[in-house]
Amino acid sequence: MNIDYSLHKILESGKHTPSEIQGLLQEQGFKISLEKLTSHLNKMVGLGIASKHPDDTFTAQPH
């Protein structure tokens, strides 16, 4: 399993902060800095793959 697939599944499961997402990824054996993860999440928002909410949580965009 790759990190992008795991990240997408986490985002599909509900609203999470970057630090919560980082913890869930670490539980699956992935190591990523909070700075890199937040940058990647913001890129996903820009590409229309993820949504960022006013409370600084992220979710997957509905299909």
PDB file of N, CA and C in Angstrom:
ATOM      1  N   MET A   1       0.855  -1.174   0.000  1.00  0.00           N
ATOM      2  CA  MET A   1       0.000   0.000   0.000  1.00  0.00           C
ATOM      3  C   MET A   1       0.904   1.241   0.000  1.00  0.00           C
ATOM      4  N   ASN A   2       0.511   2.267  -0.771  1.00  0.00           N
ATOM      5  CA  ASN A   2       1.329   3.476  -0.774  1.00  0.00           C
ATOM      6  C   ASN A   2       0.677   4.578   0.056  1.00  0.00           C
ATOM      7  N   ILE A   3       1.460   5.588   0.343  1.00  0.00           N
ATOM      8  CA  ILE A   3       1.004   6.652   1.246  1.00  0.00           C
ATOM      9  C   ILE A   3      -0.167   7.441   0.662  1.00  0.00           C
ATOM     10  N   ASP A   4      -0.192   7.649  -0.666  1.00  0.00           N
ATOM     11  CA  ASP A   4      -1.299   8.405  -1.261  1.00  0.00           C
ATOM     12  C   ASP A   4      -2.625   7.661  -1.115  1.00  0.00           C
ATOM     13  N   TYR A   5      -2.589   6.351  -1.299  1.00  0.00           N
ATOM     14  CA  TYR A   5      -3.803   5.549  -1.129  1.00  0.00           C
ATOM     15  C   TYR A   5      -4.283   5.624   0.324  1.00  0.00           C
ATOM     16  N   SER A   6      -3.352   5.459   1.249  1.00  0.00           N
ATOM     17  CA  SER A   6      -3.701   5.521   2.672  1.00  0.00           C
ATOM     18  C   SER A   6      -4.249   6.891   3.045  1.00  0.00           C
ATOM     19  N   LEU A   7      -3.620   7.932   2.528  1.00  0.00           N
ATOM     20  CA  LEU A   7      -4.069   9.295   2.806  1.00  0.00           C
ATOM     21  C   LEU A   7      -5.481   9.512   2.275  1.00  0.00           C
ATOM     22  N   HIS A   8      -5.749   9.042   1.076  1.00  0.00           N
ATOM     23  CA  HIS A   8      -7.087   9.199   0.500  1.00  0.00           C
ATOM     24  C   HIS A   8      -8.135   8.462   1.341  1.00  0.00           C
ATOM     25  N   LYS A   9      -7.807   7.264   1.792  1.00  0.00           N
ATOM     26  CA  LYS A   9      -8.747   6.503   2.627  1.00  0.00           C
ATOM     27  C   LYS A   9      -9.016   7.226   3.948  1.00  0.00           C
ATOM     28  N   ILE A  10      -7.983   7.825   4.527  1.00  0.00           N
ATOM     29  CA  ILE A  10      -8.156   8.591   5.767  1.00  0.00           C
ATOM     30  C   ILE A  10      -9.079   9.777   5.521  1.00  0.00           C
ATOM     31  N   LEU A  11      -8.857  10.491   4.423  1.00  0.00           N
ATOM     32  CA  LEU A  11      -9.685  11.661   4.115  1.00  0.00           C
ATOM     33  C   LEU A  11     -11.128  11.264   3.820  1.00  0.00           C
ATOM     34  N   GLU A  12     -11.327  10.100   3.227  1.00  0.00           N
ATOM     35  CA  GLU A  12     -12.689   9.613   2.964  1.00  0.00           C
ATOM     36  C   GLU A  12     -13.424   9.255   4.250  1.00  0.00           C
ATOM     37  N   SER A  13     -12.678   8.929   5.297  1.00  0.00           N
ATOM     38  CA  SER A  13     -13.313   8.465   6.536  1.00  0.00           C
ATOM     39  C   SER A  13     -13.869   9.599   7.394  1.00  0.00           C
ATOM     40  N   GLY A  14     -13.572  10.846   7.048  1.00  0.00           N
ATOM     41  CA  GLY A  14     -14.108  11.963   7.817  1.00  0.00           C
ATOM     42  C   GLY A  14     -13.136  13.115   7.919  1.00  0.00           C
ATOM     43  N   LYS A  15     -13.509  14.095   8.757  1.00  0.00           N
ATOM     44  CA  LYS A  15     -12.697  15.300   8.930  1.00  0.00           C
ATOM     45  C   LYS A  15     -11.560  15.037   9.911  1.00  0.00           C
ATOM     46  N   HIS A  16     -10.349  15.411   9.491  1.00  0.00           N
ATOM     47  CA  HIS A  16      -9.173  15.219  10.336  1.00  0.00           C
ATOM     48  C   HIS A  16      -8.246  16.418  10.216  1.00  0.00           C
ATOM     49  N   THR A  17      -7.569  16.742  11.306  1.00  0.00           N
ATOM     50  CA  THR A  17      -6.524  17.762  11.267  1.00  0.00           C
ATOM     51  C   THR A  17      -5.257  17.114  10.699  1.00  0.00           C
ATOM     52  N   PRO A  18      -4.325  17.941  10.217  1.00  0.00           N
ATOM     53  CA  PRO A  18      -3.071  17.365   9.724  1.00  0.00           C
ATOM     54  C   PRO A  18      -2.348  16.509  10.767  1.00  0.00           C
ATOM     55  N   SER A  19      -2.359  16.925  12.027  1.00  0.00           N
ATOM     56  CA  SER A  19      -1.665  16.124  13.044  1.00  0.00           C
ATOM     57  C   SER A  19      -2.375  14.789  13.286  1.00  0.00           C
ATOM     58  N   GLU A  20      -3.698  14.767  13.205  1.00  0.00           N
ATOM     59  CA  GLU A  20      -4.431  13.498  13.322  1.00  0.00           C
ATOM     60  C   GLU A  20      -4.094  12.586  12.144  1.00  0.00           C
ATOM     61  N   ILE A  21      -4.044  13.171  10.953  1.00  0.00           N
ATOM     62  CA  ILE A  21      -3.711  12.399   9.754  1.00  0.00           C
ATOM     63  C   ILE A  21      -2.297  11.839   9.875  1.00  0.00           C
ATOM     64  N   GLN A  22      -1.374  12.659  10.361  1.00  0.00           N
ATOM     65  CA  GLN A  22       0.006  12.215  10.543  1.00  0.00           C
ATOM     66  C   GLN A  22       0.051  11.001  11.477  1.00  0.00           C
ATOM     67  N   GLY A  23      -0.687  11.061  12.573  1.00  0.00           N
ATOM     68  CA  GLY A  23      -0.728   9.945  13.515  1.00  0.00           C
ATOM     69  C   GLY A  23      -1.303   8.684  12.896  1.00  0.00           C
ATOM     70  N   LEU A  24      -2.372   8.831  12.122  1.00  0.00           N
ATOM     71  CA  LEU A  24      -2.983   7.671  11.469  1.00  0.00           C
ATOM     72  C   LEU A  24      -2.036   7.058  10.441  1.00  0.00           C
ATOM     73  N   LEU A  25      -1.305   7.905   9.713  1.00  0.00           N
ATOM     74  CA  LEU A  25      -0.327   7.393   8.752  1.00  0.00           C
ATOM     75  C   LEU A  25       0.818   6.676   9.465  1.00  0.00           C
ATOM     76  N   GLN A  26       1.248   7.226  10.598  1.00  0.00           N
ATOM     77  CA  GLN A  26       2.323   6.585  11.366  1.00  0.00           C
ATOM     78  C   GLN A  26       1.895   5.215  11.868  1.00  0.00           C
ATOM     79  N   GLU A  27       0.629   5.075  12.248  1.00  0.00           N
ATOM     80  CA  GLU A  27       0.110   3.773  12.682  1.00  0.00           C
ATOM     81  C   GLU A  27       0.206   2.740  11.564  1.00  0.00           C
ATOM     82  N   GLN A  28       0.176   3.223  10.310  1.00  0.00           N
ATOM     83  CA  GLN A  28       0.258   2.331   9.150  1.00  0.00           C
ATOM     84  C   GLN A  28       1.697   2.166   8.660  1.00  0.00           C
ATOM     85  N   GLY A  29       2.649   2.743   9.392  1.00  0.00           N
ATOM     86  CA  GLY A  29       4.056   2.562   9.058  1.00  0.00           C
ATOM     87  C   GLY A  29       4.673   3.644   8.197  1.00  0.00           C
ATOM     88  N   PHE A  30       3.944   4.723   7.926  1.00  0.00           N
ATOM     89  CA  PHE A  30       4.469   5.814   7.109  1.00  0.00           C
ATOM     90  C   PHE A  30       5.024   6.913   7.998  1.00  0.00           C
ATOM     91  N   LYS A  31       6.148   7.483   7.592  1.00  0.00           N
ATOM     92  CA  LYS A  31       6.737   8.602   8.324  1.00  0.00           C
ATOM     93  C   LYS A  31       6.744   9.811   7.396  1.00  0.00           C
ATOM     94  N   ILE A  32       6.130  10.900   7.830  1.00  0.00           N
ATOM     95  CA  ILE A  32       6.109  12.136   7.066  1.00  0.00           C
ATOM     96  C   ILE A  32       6.050  13.280   8.069  1.00  0.00           C
ATOM     97  N   SER A  33       6.803  14.329   7.791  1.00  0.00           N
ATOM     98  CA  SER A  33       6.791  15.476   8.699  1.00  0.00           C
ATOM     99  C   SER A  33       5.457  16.199   8.576  1.00  0.00           C
ATOM    100  N   LEU A  34       5.075  16.871   9.631  1.00  0.00           N
ATOM    101  CA  LEU A  34       3.818  17.620   9.625  1.00  0.00           C
ATOM    102  C   LEU A  34       3.857  18.715   8.556  1.00  0.00           C
ATOM    103  N   GLU A  35       5.014  19.341   8.382  1.00  0.00           N
ATOM    104  CA  GLU A  35       5.162  20.392   7.368  1.00  0.00           C
ATOM    105  C   GLU A  35       4.938  19.839   5.959  1.00  0.00           C
ATOM    106  N   LYS A  36       5.558  18.707   5.641  1.00  0.00           N
ATOM    107  CA  LYS A  36       5.386  18.100   4.315  1.00  0.00           C
ATOM    108  C   LYS A  36       3.951  17.630   4.110  1.00  0.00           C
ATOM    109  N   LEU A  37       3.365  17.047   5.146  1.00  0.00           N
ATOM    110  CA  LEU A  37       1.997  16.556   5.045  1.00  0.00           C
ATOM    111  C   LEU A  37       1.032  17.708   4.792  1.00  0.00           C
ATOM    112  N   THR A  38       1.175  18.790   5.536  1.00  0.00           N
ATOM    113  CA  THR A  38       0.295  19.949   5.362  1.00  0.00           C
ATOM    114  C   THR A  38       0.448  20.532   3.965  1.00  0.00           C
ATOM    115  N   SER A  39       1.667  20.616   3.475  1.00  0.00           N
ATOM    116  CA  SER A  39       1.912  21.102   2.119  1.00  0.00           C
ATOM    117  C   SER A  39       1.234  20.194   1.093  1.00  0.00           C
ATOM    118  N   HIS A  40       1.360  18.887   1.275  1.00  0.00           N
ATOM    119  CA  HIS A  40       0.740  17.926   0.360  1.00  0.00           C
ATOM    120  C   HIS A  40      -0.788  18.036   0.409  1.00  0.00           C
ATOM    121  N   LEU A  41      -1.343  18.181   1.601  1.00  0.00           N
ATOM    122  CA  LEU A  41      -2.798  18.335   1.729  1.00  0.00           C
ATOM    123  C   LEU A  41      -3.277  19.591   1.012  1.00  0.00           C
ATOM    124  N   ASN A  42      -2.545  20.685   1.150  1.00  0.00           N
ATOM    125  CA  ASN A  42      -2.929  21.924   0.471  1.00  0.00           C
ATOM    126  C   ASN A  42      -2.844  21.778  -1.044  1.00  0.00           C
ATOM    127  N   LYS A  43      -1.869  21.018  -1.542  1.00  0.00           N
ATOM    128  CA  LYS A  43      -1.787  20.740  -2.981  1.00  0.00           C
ATOM    129  C   LYS A  43      -2.990  19.915  -3.422  1.00  0.00           C
ATOM    130  N   MET A  44      -3.393  18.947  -2.596  1.00  0.00           N
ATOM    131  CA  MET A  44      -4.565  18.135  -2.916  1.00  0.00           C
ATOM    132  C   MET A  44      -5.819  18.999  -2.994  1.00  0.00           C
ATOM    133  N   VAL A  45      -5.915  20.005  -2.124  1.00  0.00           N
ATOM    134  CA  VAL A  45      -7.042  20.944  -2.168  1.00  0.00           C
ATOM    135  C   VAL A  45      -7.004  21.709  -3.489  1.00  0.00           C
ATOM    136  N   GLY A  46      -5.825  22.192  -3.867  1.00  0.00           N
ATOM    137  CA  GLY A  46      -5.671  22.932  -5.117  1.00  0.00           C
ATOM    138  C   GLY A  46      -6.030  22.113  -6.342  1.00  0.00           C
ATOM    139  N   LEU A  47      -5.787  20.814  -6.283  1.00  0.00           N
ATOM    140  CA  LEU A  47      -6.105  19.917  -7.395  1.00  0.00           C
ATOM    141  C   LEU A  47      -7.555  19.436  -7.368  1.00  0.00           C
ATOM    142  N   GLY A  48      -8.297  19.801  -6.323  1.00  0.00           N
ATOM    143  CA  GLY A  48      -9.695  19.391  -6.217  1.00  0.00           C
ATOM    144  C   GLY A  48      -9.885  17.979  -5.696  1.00  0.00           C
ATOM    145  N   ILE A  49      -8.843  17.406  -5.097  1.00  0.00           N
ATOM    146  CA  ILE A  49      -8.918  16.041  -4.572  1.00  0.00           C
ATOM    147  C   ILE A  49      -9.417  16.041  -3.134  1.00  0.00           C
ATOM    148  N   ALA A  50      -9.090  17.105  -2.400  1.00  0.00           N
ATOM    149  CA  ALA A  50      -9.460  17.206  -0.983  1.00  0.00           C
ATOM    150  C   ALA A  50     -10.112  18.556  -0.726  1.00  0.00           C
ATOM    151  N   SER A  51     -10.788  18.651   0.403  1.00  0.00           N
ATOM    152  CA  SER A  51     -11.403  19.907   0.845  1.00  0.00           C
ATOM    153  C   SER A  51     -10.787  20.318   2.170  1.00  0.00           C
ATOM    154  N   LYS A  52     -10.583  21.633   2.321  1.00  0.00           N
ATOM    155  CA  LYS A  52     -10.126  22.172   3.600  1.00  0.00           C
ATOM    156  C   LYS A  52     -11.284  22.952   4.198  1.00  0.00           C
ATOM    157  N   HIS A  53     -11.557  22.714   5.468  1.00  0.00           N
ATOM    158  CA  HIS A  53     -12.690  23.329   6.143  1.00  0.00           C
ATOM    159  C   HIS A  53     -12.225  24.467   7.044  1.00  0.00           C
ATOM    160  N   PRO A  54     -13.132  25.374   7.429  1.00  0.00           N
ATOM    161  CA  PRO A  54     -12.756  26.530   8.261  1.00  0.00           C
ATOM    162  C   PRO A  54     -12.087  26.163   9.586  1.00  0.00           C
ATOM    163  N   ASP A  55     -12.341  24.957  10.081  1.00  0.00           N
ATOM    164  CA  ASP A  55     -11.722  24.534  11.345  1.00  0.00           C
ATOM    165  C   ASP A  55     -10.364  23.857  11.119  1.00  0.00           C
ATOM    166  N   ASP A  56      -9.780  24.071   9.928  1.00  0.00           N
ATOM    167  CA  ASP A  56      -8.468  23.521   9.551  1.00  0.00           C
ATOM    168  C   ASP A  56      -8.436  22.001   9.506  1.00  0.00           C
ATOM    169  N   THR A  57      -9.574  21.389   9.200  1.00  0.00           N
ATOM    170  CA  THR A  57      -9.618  19.951   8.971  1.00  0.00           C
ATOM    171  C   THR A  57      -9.721  19.708   7.470  1.00  0.00           C
ATOM    172  N   PHE A  58      -9.394  18.492   7.080  1.00  0.00           N
ATOM    173  CA  PHE A  58      -9.420  18.113   5.670  1.00  0.00           C
ATOM    174  C   PHE A  58     -10.298  16.886   5.492  1.00  0.00           C
ATOM    175  N   THR A  59     -10.942  16.796   4.321  1.00  0.00           N
ATOM    176  CA  THR A  59     -11.712  15.617   3.925  1.00  0.00           C
ATOM    177  C   THR A  59     -11.482  15.393   2.440  1.00  0.00           C
ATOM    178  N   ALA A  60     -11.869  14.214   1.966  1.00  0.00           N
ATOM    179  CA  ALA A  60     -11.829  13.936   0.533  1.00  0.00           C
ATOM    180  C   ALA A  60     -12.993  14.663  -0.133  1.00  0.00           C
ATOM    181  N   GLN A  61     -12.785  15.056  -1.378  1.00  0.00           N
ATOM    182  CA  GLN A  61     -13.878  15.624  -2.167  1.00  0.00           C
ATOM    183  C   GLN A  61     -14.837  14.493  -2.520  1.00  0.00           C
ATOM    184  N   PRO A  62     -16.134  14.744  -2.450  1.00  0.00           N
ATOM    185  CA  PRO A  62     -17.084  13.700  -2.874  1.00  0.00           C
ATOM    186  C   PRO A  62     -16.943  13.441  -4.377  1.00  0.00           C
ATOM    187  N   HIS A  63     -17.170  12.205  -4.777  1.00  0.00           N
ATOM    188  CA  HIS A  63     -17.033  11.829  -6.196  1.00  0.00           C
ATOM    189  C   HIS A  63     -18.220  12.286  -6.979  1.00  0.00           C
TER     190      HIS A  63
END
